[in-house]
């Protein structure tokens, strides 16, 4: 990662690390295999703060409890998230895949 990206990205990276250390005590479960904070952290490291912030807002819109287990037009199992996007089982968290397999 370029030094300029690190310089501008450190506040977001620090906030995420603080969240990992202090937050996350509520036992909220992320819908995705790669948790929202880990995904945003990785994108921020690789592409900088602008891309990291875009990922943060995208994940925030989709990773909430307002999902619906469904199949898409290709008969693939997954969920329709609160943002209206269909996500296949292969990127979803194990606990959610188990729930999908019980319901479908």
PDB file of N, CA and C in Angstrom:
ATOM      1  N   UNK A   1       0.851  -1.178   0.000  1.00  0.00           N
ATOM      2  CA  UNK A   1       0.000   0.000   0.000  1.00  0.00           C
ATOM      3  C   UNK A   1       0.890   1.232   0.000  1.00  0.00           C
ATOM      4  N   UNK A   2       0.503   2.225  -0.774  1.00  0.00           N
ATOM      5  CA  UNK A   2       1.284   3.453  -0.844  1.00  0.00           C
ATOM      6  C   UNK A   2       1.202   4.213   0.483  1.00  0.00           C
ATOM      7  N   UNK A   3       2.273   4.932   0.776  1.00  0.00           N
ATOM      8  CA  UNK A   3       2.343   5.688   2.025  1.00  0.00           C
ATOM      9  C   UNK A   3       1.224   6.712   2.135  1.00  0.00           C
ATOM     10  N   UNK A   4       0.865   7.360   1.024  1.00  0.00           N
ATOM     11  CA  UNK A   4      -0.207   8.360   1.071  1.00  0.00           C
ATOM     12  C   UNK A   4      -1.542   7.723   1.452  1.00  0.00           C
ATOM     13  N   UNK A   5      -1.804   6.507   0.963  1.00  0.00           N
ATOM     14  CA  UNK A   5      -3.051   5.828   1.332  1.00  0.00           C
ATOM     15  C   UNK A   5      -3.060   5.479   2.812  1.00  0.00           C
ATOM     16  N   UNK A   6      -1.921   5.065   3.332  1.00  0.00           N
ATOM     17  CA  UNK A   6      -1.834   4.737   4.759  1.00  0.00           C
ATOM     18  C   UNK A   6      -2.078   5.976   5.608  1.00  0.00           C
ATOM     19  N   UNK A   7      -1.486   7.087   5.210  1.00  0.00           N
ATOM     20  CA  UNK A   7      -1.624   8.326   5.978  1.00  0.00           C
ATOM     21  C   UNK A   7      -3.082   8.755   6.078  1.00  0.00           C
ATOM     22  N   UNK A   8      -3.800   8.681   4.964  1.00  0.00           N
ATOM     23  CA  UNK A   8      -5.196   9.116   4.969  1.00  0.00           C
ATOM     24  C   UNK A   8      -6.149   8.052   5.511  1.00  0.00           C
ATOM     25  N   UNK A   9      -5.742   6.798   5.485  1.00  0.00           N
ATOM     26  CA  UNK A   9      -6.630   5.708   5.880  1.00  0.00           C
ATOM     27  C   UNK A   9      -6.558   5.347   7.359  1.00  0.00           C
ATOM     28  N   UNK A  10      -5.525   5.783   8.055  1.00  0.00           N
ATOM     29  CA  UNK A  10      -5.338   5.333   9.437  1.00  0.00           C
ATOM     30  C   UNK A  10      -6.506   5.635  10.370  1.00  0.00           C
ATOM     31  N   UNK A  11      -7.242   6.763  10.209  1.00  0.00           N
ATOM     32  CA  UNK A  11      -8.360   6.977  11.154  1.00  0.00           C
ATOM     33  C   UNK A  11      -9.431   5.883  11.053  1.00  0.00           C
ATOM     34  N   UNK A  12      -9.782   5.495   9.822  1.00  0.00           N
ATOM     35  CA  UNK A  12     -10.790   4.453   9.650  1.00  0.00           C
ATOM     36  C   UNK A  12     -10.263   3.108  10.153  1.00  0.00           C
ATOM     37  N   UNK A  13      -9.015   2.806   9.841  1.00  0.00           N
ATOM     38  CA  UNK A  13      -8.423   1.556  10.302  1.00  0.00           C
ATOM     39  C   UNK A  13      -8.361   1.495  11.832  1.00  0.00           C
ATOM     40  N   UNK A  14      -8.041   2.606  12.456  1.00  0.00           N
ATOM     41  CA  UNK A  14      -8.003   2.673  13.914  1.00  0.00           C
ATOM     42  C   UNK A  14      -9.399   2.478  14.511  1.00  0.00           C
ATOM     43  N   UNK A  15     -10.401   3.095  13.908  1.00  0.00           N
ATOM     44  CA  UNK A  15     -11.775   2.930  14.398  1.00  0.00           C
ATOM     45  C   UNK A  15     -12.224   1.472  14.317  1.00  0.00           C
ATOM     46  N   UNK A  16     -11.872   0.811  13.229  1.00  0.00           N
ATOM     47  CA  UNK A  16     -12.246  -0.595  13.081  1.00  0.00           C
ATOM     48  C   UNK A  16     -11.549  -1.438  14.141  1.00  0.00           C
ATOM     49  N   UNK A  17     -10.267  -1.188  14.361  1.00  0.00           N
ATOM     50  CA  UNK A  17      -9.529  -1.943  15.390  1.00  0.00           C
ATOM     51  C   UNK A  17     -10.121  -1.695  16.783  1.00  0.00           C
ATOM     52  N   UNK A  18     -10.521  -0.461  17.053  1.00  0.00           N
ATOM     53  CA  UNK A  18     -11.157  -0.161  18.336  1.00  0.00           C
ATOM     54  C   UNK A  18     -12.480  -0.916  18.460  1.00  0.00           C
ATOM     55  N   UNK A  19     -13.232  -0.984  17.372  1.00  0.00           N
ATOM     56  CA  UNK A  19     -14.484  -1.739  17.365  1.00  0.00           C
ATOM     57  C   UNK A  19     -14.221  -3.206  17.674  1.00  0.00           C
ATOM     58  N   UNK A  20     -13.185  -3.770  17.077  1.00  0.00           N
ATOM     59  CA  UNK A  20     -12.856  -5.169  17.350  1.00  0.00           C
ATOM     60  C   UNK A  20     -12.501  -5.377  18.810  1.00  0.00           C
ATOM     61  N   UNK A  21     -11.799  -4.424  19.380  1.00  0.00           N
ATOM     62  CA  UNK A  21     -11.337  -4.559  20.764  1.00  0.00           C
ATOM     63  C   UNK A  21     -12.436  -4.242  21.782  1.00  0.00           C
ATOM     64  N   UNK A  22     -13.140  -3.139  21.576  1.00  0.00           N
ATOM     65  CA  UNK A  22     -14.112  -2.668  22.557  1.00  0.00           C
ATOM     66  C   UNK A  22     -15.549  -3.063  22.239  1.00  0.00           C
ATOM     67  N   UNK A  23     -15.892  -2.944  20.991  1.00  0.00           N
ATOM     68  CA  UNK A  23     -17.262  -3.203  20.578  1.00  0.00           C
ATOM     69  C   UNK A  23     -17.495  -4.684  20.380  1.00  0.00           C
ATOM     70  N   UNK A  24     -18.463  -4.974  19.584  1.00  0.00           N
ATOM     71  CA  UNK A  24     -18.735  -6.339  19.182  1.00  0.00           C
ATOM     72  C   UNK A  24     -19.052  -7.235  20.368  1.00  0.00           C
ATOM     73  N   UNK A  25     -19.492  -6.675  21.475  1.00  0.00           N
ATOM     74  CA  UNK A  25     -19.855  -7.457  22.653  1.00  0.00           C
ATOM     75  C   UNK A  25     -21.347  -7.823  22.641  1.00  0.00           C
ATOM     76  N   UNK A  26     -22.076  -7.266  21.698  1.00  0.00           N
ATOM     77  CA  UNK A  26     -23.517  -7.476  21.659  1.00  0.00           C
ATOM     78  C   UNK A  26     -23.903  -8.801  21.013  1.00  0.00           C
ATOM     79  N   UNK A  27     -22.934  -9.548  20.531  1.00  0.00           N
ATOM     80  CA  UNK A  27     -23.183 -10.828  19.882  1.00  0.00           C
ATOM     81  C   UNK A  27     -24.021 -10.689  18.617  1.00  0.00           C
ATOM     82  N   UNK A  28     -23.943  -9.531  17.952  1.00  0.00           N
ATOM     83  CA  UNK A  28     -24.590  -9.394  16.657  1.00  0.00           C
ATOM     84  C   UNK A  28     -23.854 -10.264  15.660  1.00  0.00           C
ATOM     85  N   UNK A  29     -24.587 -10.982  14.873  1.00  0.00           N
ATOM     86  CA  UNK A  29     -23.962 -11.871  13.909  1.00  0.00           C
ATOM     87  C   UNK A  29     -24.049 -11.248  12.528  1.00  0.00           C
ATOM     88  N   UNK A  30     -22.916 -11.216  11.875  1.00  0.00           N
ATOM     89  CA  UNK A  30     -22.855 -10.690  10.520  1.00  0.00           C
ATOM     90  C   UNK A  30     -23.448 -11.728   9.571  1.00  0.00           C
ATOM     91  N   UNK A  31     -24.068 -11.269   8.513  1.00  0.00           N
ATOM     92  CA  UNK A  31     -24.667 -12.164   7.532  1.00  0.00           C
ATOM     93  C   UNK A  31     -23.632 -12.818   6.621  1.00  0.00           C
ATOM     94  N   UNK A  32     -22.439 -12.268   6.576  1.00  0.00           N
ATOM     95  CA  UNK A  32     -21.448 -12.705   5.602  1.00  0.00           C
ATOM     96  C   UNK A  32     -20.314 -13.484   6.249  1.00  0.00           C
ATOM     97  N   UNK A  33     -19.664 -14.382   5.446  1.00  0.00           N
ATOM     98  CA  UNK A  33     -18.511 -15.141   5.942  1.00  0.00           C
ATOM     99  C   UNK A  33     -17.397 -14.206   6.381  1.00  0.00           C
ATOM    100  N   UNK A  34     -17.051 -13.290   5.511  1.00  0.00           N
ATOM    101  CA  UNK A  34     -16.074 -12.261   5.871  1.00  0.00           C
ATOM    102  C   UNK A  34     -16.892 -11.138   6.497  1.00  0.00           C
ATOM    103  N   UNK A  35     -16.706 -10.923   7.795  1.00  0.00           N
ATOM    104  CA  UNK A  35     -17.538  -9.951   8.492  1.00  0.00           C
ATOM    105  C   UNK A  35     -17.403  -8.567   7.880  1.00  0.00           C
ATOM    106  N   UNK A  36     -18.375  -7.754   8.135  1.00  0.00           N
ATOM    107  CA  UNK A  36     -18.406  -6.409   7.557  1.00  0.00           C
ATOM    108  C   UNK A  36     -17.150  -5.615   7.925  1.00  0.00           C
ATOM    109  N   UNK A  37     -16.786  -5.662   9.201  1.00  0.00           N
ATOM    110  CA  UNK A  37     -15.624  -4.881   9.626  1.00  0.00           C
ATOM    111  C   UNK A  37     -14.338  -5.415   8.998  1.00  0.00           C
ATOM    112  N   UNK A  38     -14.208  -6.724   8.891  1.00  0.00           N
ATOM    113  CA  UNK A  38     -13.002  -7.293   8.260  1.00  0.00           C
ATOM    114  C   UNK A  38     -12.931  -6.935   6.777  1.00  0.00           C
ATOM    115  N   UNK A  39     -14.073  -6.959   6.103  1.00  0.00           N
ATOM    116  CA  UNK A  39     -14.115  -6.630   4.682  1.00  0.00           C
ATOM    117  C   UNK A  39     -13.741  -5.161   4.465  1.00  0.00           C
ATOM    118  N   UNK A  40     -14.327  -4.268   5.248  1.00  0.00           N
ATOM    119  CA  UNK A  40     -14.023  -2.839   5.128  1.00  0.00           C
ATOM    120  C   UNK A  40     -12.556  -2.578   5.456  1.00  0.00           C
ATOM    121  N   UNK A  41     -12.039  -3.238   6.480  1.00  0.00           N
ATOM    122  CA  UNK A  41     -10.633  -3.074   6.859  1.00  0.00           C
ATOM    123  C   UNK A  41      -9.716  -3.478   5.706  1.00  0.00           C
ATOM    124  N   UNK A  42      -9.990  -4.636   5.103  1.00  0.00           N
ATOM    125  CA  UNK A  42      -9.156  -5.130   4.013  1.00  0.00           C
ATOM    126  C   UNK A  42      -9.222  -4.213   2.791  1.00  0.00           C
ATOM    127  N   UNK A  43     -10.403  -3.774   2.425  1.00  0.00           N
ATOM    128  CA  UNK A  43     -10.548  -2.871   1.275  1.00  0.00           C
ATOM    129  C   UNK A  43      -9.840  -1.551   1.549  1.00  0.00           C
ATOM    130  N   UNK A  44      -9.951  -1.042   2.759  1.00  0.00           N
ATOM    131  CA  UNK A  44      -9.285   0.210   3.119  1.00  0.00           C
ATOM    132  C   UNK A  44      -7.770   0.055   3.029  1.00  0.00           C
ATOM    133  N   UNK A  45      -7.255  -1.059   3.500  1.00  0.00           N
ATOM    134  CA  UNK A  45      -5.812  -1.305   3.398  1.00  0.00           C
ATOM    135  C   UNK A  45      -5.347  -1.361   1.944  1.00  0.00           C
ATOM    136  N   UNK A  46      -6.120  -2.032   1.108  1.00  0.00           N
ATOM    137  CA  UNK A  46      -5.717  -2.244  -0.280  1.00  0.00           C
ATOM    138  C   UNK A  46      -5.960  -1.032  -1.173  1.00  0.00           C
ATOM    139  N   UNK A  47      -7.090  -0.351  -0.974  1.00  0.00           N
ATOM    140  CA  UNK A  47      -7.495   0.678  -1.933  1.00  0.00           C
ATOM    141  C   UNK A  47      -7.622   2.078  -1.362  1.00  0.00           C
ATOM    142  N   UNK A  48      -7.522   2.230  -0.057  1.00  0.00           N
ATOM    143  CA  UNK A  48      -7.599   3.555   0.534  1.00  0.00           C
ATOM    144  C   UNK A  48      -8.930   3.849   1.189  1.00  0.00           C
ATOM    145  N   UNK A  49      -8.989   5.025   1.790  1.00  0.00           N
ATOM    146  CA  UNK A  49     -10.142   5.381   2.623  1.00  0.00           C
ATOM    147  C   UNK A  49     -11.426   5.608   1.820  1.00  0.00           C
ATOM    148  N   UNK A  50     -11.311   6.148   0.616  1.00  0.00           N
ATOM    149  CA  UNK A  50     -12.520   6.397  -0.192  1.00  0.00           C
ATOM    150  C   UNK A  50     -13.215   5.072  -0.500  1.00  0.00           C
ATOM    151  N   UNK A  51     -12.460   4.094  -0.980  1.00  0.00           N
ATOM    152  CA  UNK A  51     -13.034   2.774  -1.267  1.00  0.00           C
ATOM    153  C   UNK A  51     -13.526   2.113   0.012  1.00  0.00           C
ATOM    154  N   UNK A  52     -12.786   2.272   1.098  1.00  0.00           N
ATOM    155  CA  UNK A  52     -13.206   1.713   2.376  1.00  0.00           C
ATOM    156  C   UNK A  52     -14.528   2.286   2.845  1.00  0.00           C
ATOM    157  N   UNK A  53     -14.710   3.582   2.699  1.00  0.00           N
ATOM    158  CA  UNK A  53     -15.966   4.209   3.106  1.00  0.00           C
ATOM    159  C   UNK A  53     -17.126   3.751   2.222  1.00  0.00           C
ATOM    160  N   UNK A  54     -16.883   3.604   0.932  1.00  0.00           N
ATOM    161  CA  UNK A  54     -17.927   3.103   0.027  1.00  0.00           C
ATOM    162  C   UNK A  54     -18.356   1.705   0.456  1.00  0.00           C
ATOM    163  N   UNK A  55     -17.384   0.858   0.773  1.00  0.00           N
ATOM    164  CA  UNK A  55     -17.693  -0.504   1.223  1.00  0.00           C
ATOM    165  C   UNK A  55     -18.447  -0.490   2.544  1.00  0.00           C
ATOM    166  N   UNK A  56     -18.063   0.400   3.429  1.00  0.00           N
ATOM    167  CA  UNK A  56     -18.737   0.507   4.716  1.00  0.00           C
ATOM    168  C   UNK A  56     -20.224   0.832   4.528  1.00  0.00           C
ATOM    169  N   UNK A  57     -20.527   1.803   3.684  1.00  0.00           N
ATOM    170  CA  UNK A  57     -21.924   2.180   3.479  1.00  0.00           C
ATOM    171  C   UNK A  57     -22.696   1.099   2.745  1.00  0.00           C
ATOM    172  N   UNK A  58     -22.056   0.417   1.790  1.00  0.00           N
ATOM    173  CA  UNK A  58     -22.720  -0.666   1.074  1.00  0.00           C
ATOM    174  C   UNK A  58     -23.057  -1.807   2.027  1.00  0.00           C
ATOM    175  N   UNK A  59     -22.100  -2.202   2.843  1.00  0.00           N
ATOM    176  CA  UNK A  59     -22.348  -3.290   3.785  1.00  0.00           C
ATOM    177  C   UNK A  59     -23.371  -2.880   4.842  1.00  0.00           C
ATOM    178  N   UNK A  60     -23.317  -1.640   5.290  1.00  0.00           N
ATOM    179  CA  UNK A  60     -24.278  -1.201   6.300  1.00  0.00           C
ATOM    180  C   UNK A  60     -25.703  -1.319   5.767  1.00  0.00           C
ATOM    181  N   UNK A  61     -25.888  -0.968   4.504  1.00  0.00           N
ATOM    182  CA  UNK A  61     -27.222  -1.043   3.914  1.00  0.00           C
ATOM    183  C   UNK A  61     -27.716  -2.477   3.782  1.00  0.00           C
ATOM    184  N   UNK A  62     -26.808  -3.428   3.562  1.00  0.00           N
ATOM    185  CA  UNK A  62     -27.246  -4.797   3.314  1.00  0.00           C
ATOM    186  C   UNK A  62     -27.162  -5.708   4.537  1.00  0.00           C
ATOM    187  N   UNK A  63     -26.303  -5.423   5.476  1.00  0.00           N
ATOM    188  CA  UNK A  63     -26.068  -6.344   6.590  1.00  0.00           C
ATOM    189  C   UNK A  63     -26.855  -5.922   7.822  1.00  0.00           C
ATOM    190  N   UNK A  64     -28.142  -6.111   7.736  1.00  0.00           N
ATOM    191  CA  UNK A  64     -29.016  -5.885   8.876  1.00  0.00           C
ATOM    192  C   UNK A  64     -29.973  -7.052   8.966  1.00  0.00           C
ATOM    193  N   UNK A  65     -30.764  -7.079   9.969  1.00  0.00           N
ATOM    194  CA  UNK A  65     -31.617  -8.244  10.200  1.00  0.00           C
ATOM    195  C   UNK A  65     -32.830  -8.327   9.276  1.00  0.00           C
ATOM    196  N   UNK A  66     -33.022  -7.386   8.406  1.00  0.00           N
ATOM    197  CA  UNK A  66     -34.180  -7.390   7.509  1.00  0.00           C
ATOM    198  C   UNK A  66     -33.896  -8.164   6.230  1.00  0.00           C
ATOM    199  N   UNK A  67     -33.510  -9.429   6.355  1.00  0.00           N
ATOM    200  CA  UNK A  67     -33.257 -10.243   5.182  1.00  0.00           C
ATOM    201  C   UNK A  67     -34.372 -11.275   5.040  1.00  0.00           C
ATOM    202  N   UNK A  68     -34.475 -11.835   3.855  1.00  0.00           N
ATOM    203  CA  UNK A  68     -35.481 -12.857   3.591  1.00  0.00           C
ATOM    204  C   UNK A  68     -34.799 -14.020   2.875  1.00  0.00           C
ATOM    205  N   UNK A  69     -34.966 -15.221   3.389  1.00  0.00           N
ATOM    206  CA  UNK A  69     -34.412 -16.408   2.744  1.00  0.00           C
ATOM    207  C   UNK A  69     -35.249 -16.702   1.506  1.00  0.00           C
ATOM    208  N   UNK A  70     -34.561 -16.913   0.379  1.00  0.00           N
ATOM    209  CA  UNK A  70     -35.271 -17.085  -0.878  1.00  0.00           C
ATOM    210  C   UNK A  70     -34.390 -17.803  -1.894  1.00  0.00           C
ATOM    211  N   UNK A  71     -34.927 -18.019  -3.069  1.00  0.00           N
ATOM    212  CA  UNK A  71     -34.168 -18.508  -4.216  1.00  0.00           C
ATOM    213  C   UNK A  71     -34.271 -17.460  -5.304  1.00  0.00           C
ATOM    214  N   UNK A  72     -33.221 -17.346  -6.124  1.00  0.00           N
ATOM    215  CA  UNK A  72     -33.293 -16.396  -7.230  1.00  0.00           C
ATOM    216  C   UNK A  72     -33.848 -17.090  -8.468  1.00  0.00           C
ATOM    217  N   UNK A  73     -33.851 -16.406  -9.591  1.00  0.00           N
ATOM    218  CA  UNK A  73     -34.438 -16.948 -10.819  1.00  0.00           C
ATOM    219  C   UNK A  73     -33.682 -18.164 -11.346  1.00  0.00           C
ATOM    220  N   UNK A  74     -32.436 -18.362 -10.933  1.00  0.00           N
ATOM    221  CA  UNK A  74     -31.642 -19.524 -11.342  1.00  0.00           C
ATOM    222  C   UNK A  74     -31.734 -20.669 -10.331  1.00  0.00           C
ATOM    223  N   UNK A  75     -32.689 -20.588  -9.407  1.00  0.00           N
ATOM    224  CA  UNK A  75     -32.895 -21.579  -8.345  1.00  0.00           C
ATOM    225  C   UNK A  75     -31.699 -21.721  -7.413  1.00  0.00           C
ATOM    226  N   UNK A  76     -30.950 -20.645  -7.221  1.00  0.00           N
ATOM    227  CA  UNK A  76     -29.856 -20.639  -6.261  1.00  0.00           C
ATOM    228  C   UNK A  76     -30.389 -20.162  -4.927  1.00  0.00           C
ATOM    229  N   UNK A  77     -30.020 -20.859  -3.863  1.00  0.00           N
ATOM    230  CA  UNK A  77     -30.484 -20.504  -2.525  1.00  0.00           C
ATOM    231  C   UNK A  77     -29.645 -19.366  -1.969  1.00  0.00           C
ATOM    232  N   UNK A  78     -30.286 -18.525  -1.181  1.00  0.00           N
ATOM    233  CA  UNK A  78     -29.583 -17.423  -0.553  1.00  0.00           C
ATOM    234  C   UNK A  78     -30.548 -16.522   0.181  1.00  0.00           C
ATOM    235  N   UNK A  79     -30.177 -15.268   0.295  1.00  0.00           N
ATOM    236  CA  UNK A  79     -31.039 -14.296   0.967  1.00  0.00           C
ATOM    237  C   UNK A  79     -31.209 -13.073   0.085  1.00  0.00           C
ATOM    238  N   UNK A  80     -32.317 -12.410   0.292  1.00  0.00           N
ATOM    239  CA  UNK A  80     -32.509 -11.082  -0.271  1.00  0.00           C
ATOM    240  C   UNK A  80     -32.349 -10.137   0.914  1.00  0.00           C
ATOM    241  N   UNK A  81     -31.304  -9.328   0.867  1.00  0.00           N
ATOM    242  CA  UNK A  81     -30.967  -8.447   1.990  1.00  0.00           C
ATOM    243  C   UNK A  81     -31.877  -7.227   2.012  1.00  0.00           C
ATOM    244  N   UNK A  82     -31.724  -6.442   3.057  1.00  0.00           N
ATOM    245  CA  UNK A  82     -32.573  -5.259   3.231  1.00  0.00           C
ATOM    246  C   UNK A  82     -32.377  -4.235   2.122  1.00  0.00           C
ATOM    247  N   UNK A  83     -31.237  -4.302   1.410  1.00  0.00           N
ATOM    248  CA  UNK A  83     -31.015  -3.380   0.293  1.00  0.00           C
ATOM    249  C   UNK A  83     -31.584  -3.911  -1.014  1.00  0.00           C
ATOM    250  N   UNK A  84     -32.240  -5.099  -0.977  1.00  0.00           N
ATOM    251  CA  UNK A  84     -32.859  -5.674  -2.161  1.00  0.00           C
ATOM    252  C   UNK A  84     -31.935  -6.528  -3.009  1.00  0.00           C
ATOM    253  N   UNK A  85     -30.693  -6.681  -2.611  1.00  0.00           N
ATOM    254  CA  UNK A  85     -29.718  -7.460  -3.367  1.00  0.00           C
ATOM    255  C   UNK A  85     -29.779  -8.919  -2.922  1.00  0.00           C
ATOM    256  N   UNK A  86     -29.706  -9.839  -3.894  1.00  0.00           N
ATOM    257  CA  UNK A  86     -29.666 -11.269  -3.600  1.00  0.00           C
ATOM    258  C   UNK A  86     -28.223 -11.693  -3.387  1.00  0.00           C
ATOM    259  N   UNK A  87     -27.971 -12.427  -2.283  1.00  0.00           N
ATOM    260  CA  UNK A  87     -26.642 -12.944  -1.976  1.00  0.00           C
ATOM    261  C   UNK A  87     -26.723 -14.463  -1.892  1.00  0.00           C
ATOM    262  N   UNK A  88     -25.848 -15.150  -2.635  1.00  0.00           N
ATOM    263  CA  UNK A  88     -25.823 -16.609  -2.643  1.00  0.00           C
ATOM    264  C   UNK A  88     -25.217 -17.156  -1.361  1.00  0.00           C
ATOM    265  N   UNK A  89     -25.493 -18.424  -1.104  1.00  0.00           N
ATOM    266  CA  UNK A  89     -25.030 -19.076   0.120  1.00  0.00           C
ATOM    267  C   UNK A  89     -23.510 -19.077   0.266  1.00  0.00           C
ATOM    268  N   UNK A  90     -22.777 -19.102  -0.834  1.00  0.00           N
ATOM    269  CA  UNK A  90     -21.321 -19.262  -0.733  1.00  0.00           C
ATOM    270  C   UNK A  90     -20.612 -18.097  -0.066  1.00  0.00           C
ATOM    271  N   UNK A  91     -21.233 -16.930   0.018  1.00  0.00           N
ATOM    272  CA  UNK A  91     -20.588 -15.799   0.698  1.00  0.00           C
ATOM    273  C   UNK A  91     -21.218 -15.502   2.060  1.00  0.00           C
ATOM    274  N   UNK A  92     -22.223 -16.277   2.425  1.00  0.00           N
ATOM    275  CA  UNK A  92     -22.932 -16.035   3.673  1.00  0.00           C
ATOM    276  C   UNK A  92     -22.287 -16.796   4.827  1.00  0.00           C
ATOM    277  N   UNK A  93     -22.506 -16.303   6.023  1.00  0.00           N
ATOM    278  CA  UNK A  93     -21.961 -16.912   7.242  1.00  0.00           C
ATOM    279  C   UNK A  93     -22.547 -18.309   7.443  1.00  0.00           C
ATOM    280  N   UNK A  94     -21.778 -19.156   8.092  1.00  0.00           N
ATOM    281  CA  UNK A  94     -22.185 -20.543   8.305  1.00  0.00           C
ATOM    282  C   UNK A  94     -23.505 -20.655   9.058  1.00  0.00           C
ATOM    283  N   UNK A  95     -23.711 -19.815  10.077  1.00  0.00           N
ATOM    284  CA  UNK A  95     -24.949 -19.888  10.844  1.00  0.00           C
ATOM    285  C   UNK A  95     -26.158 -19.594   9.960  1.00  0.00           C
ATOM    286  N   UNK A  96     -25.989 -18.693   8.988  1.00  0.00           N
ATOM    287  CA  UNK A  96     -27.088 -18.333   8.105  1.00  0.00           C
ATOM    288  C   UNK A  96     -27.317 -19.415   7.054  1.00  0.00           C
ATOM    289  N   UNK A  97     -26.258 -20.039   6.577  1.00  0.00           N
ATOM    290  CA  UNK A  97     -26.392 -21.143   5.629  1.00  0.00           C
ATOM    291  C   UNK A  97     -27.164 -22.289   6.279  1.00  0.00           C
ATOM    292  N   UNK A  98     -26.874 -22.562   7.544  1.00  0.00           N
ATOM    293  CA  UNK A  98     -27.628 -23.610   8.266  1.00  0.00           C
ATOM    294  C   UNK A  98     -29.103 -23.264   8.341  1.00  0.00           C
ATOM    295  N   UNK A  99     -29.385 -22.004   8.603  1.00  0.00           N
ATOM    296  CA  UNK A  99     -30.784 -21.554   8.670  1.00  0.00           C
ATOM    297  C   UNK A  99     -31.465 -21.689   7.312  1.00  0.00           C
ATOM    298  N   UNK A 100     -30.753 -21.360   6.249  1.00  0.00           N
ATOM    299  CA  UNK A 100     -31.305 -21.478   4.890  1.00  0.00           C
ATOM    300  C   UNK A 100     -31.617 -22.943   4.584  1.00  0.00           C
ATOM    301  N   UNK A 101     -30.698 -23.828   4.906  1.00  0.00           N
ATOM    302  CA  UNK A 101     -30.887 -25.248   4.607  1.00  0.00           C
ATOM    303  C   UNK A 101     -32.044 -25.865   5.392  1.00  0.00           C
ATOM    304  N   UNK A 102     -32.319 -25.344   6.576  1.00  0.00           N
ATOM    305  CA  UNK A 102     -33.466 -25.822   7.345  1.00  0.00           C
ATOM    306  C   UNK A 102     -34.778 -25.355   6.744  1.00  0.00           C
ATOM    307  N   UNK A 103     -34.806 -24.138   6.184  1.00  0.00           N
ATOM    308  CA  UNK A 103     -36.060 -23.560   5.716  1.00  0.00           C
ATOM    309  C   UNK A 103     -36.399 -23.928   4.284  1.00  0.00           C
ATOM    310  N   UNK A 104     -35.398 -24.192   3.477  1.00  0.00           N
ATOM    311  CA  UNK A 104     -35.682 -24.479   2.054  1.00  0.00           C
ATOM    312  C   UNK A 104     -35.701 -25.966   1.818  1.00  0.00           C
TER     313      UNK A 104
END
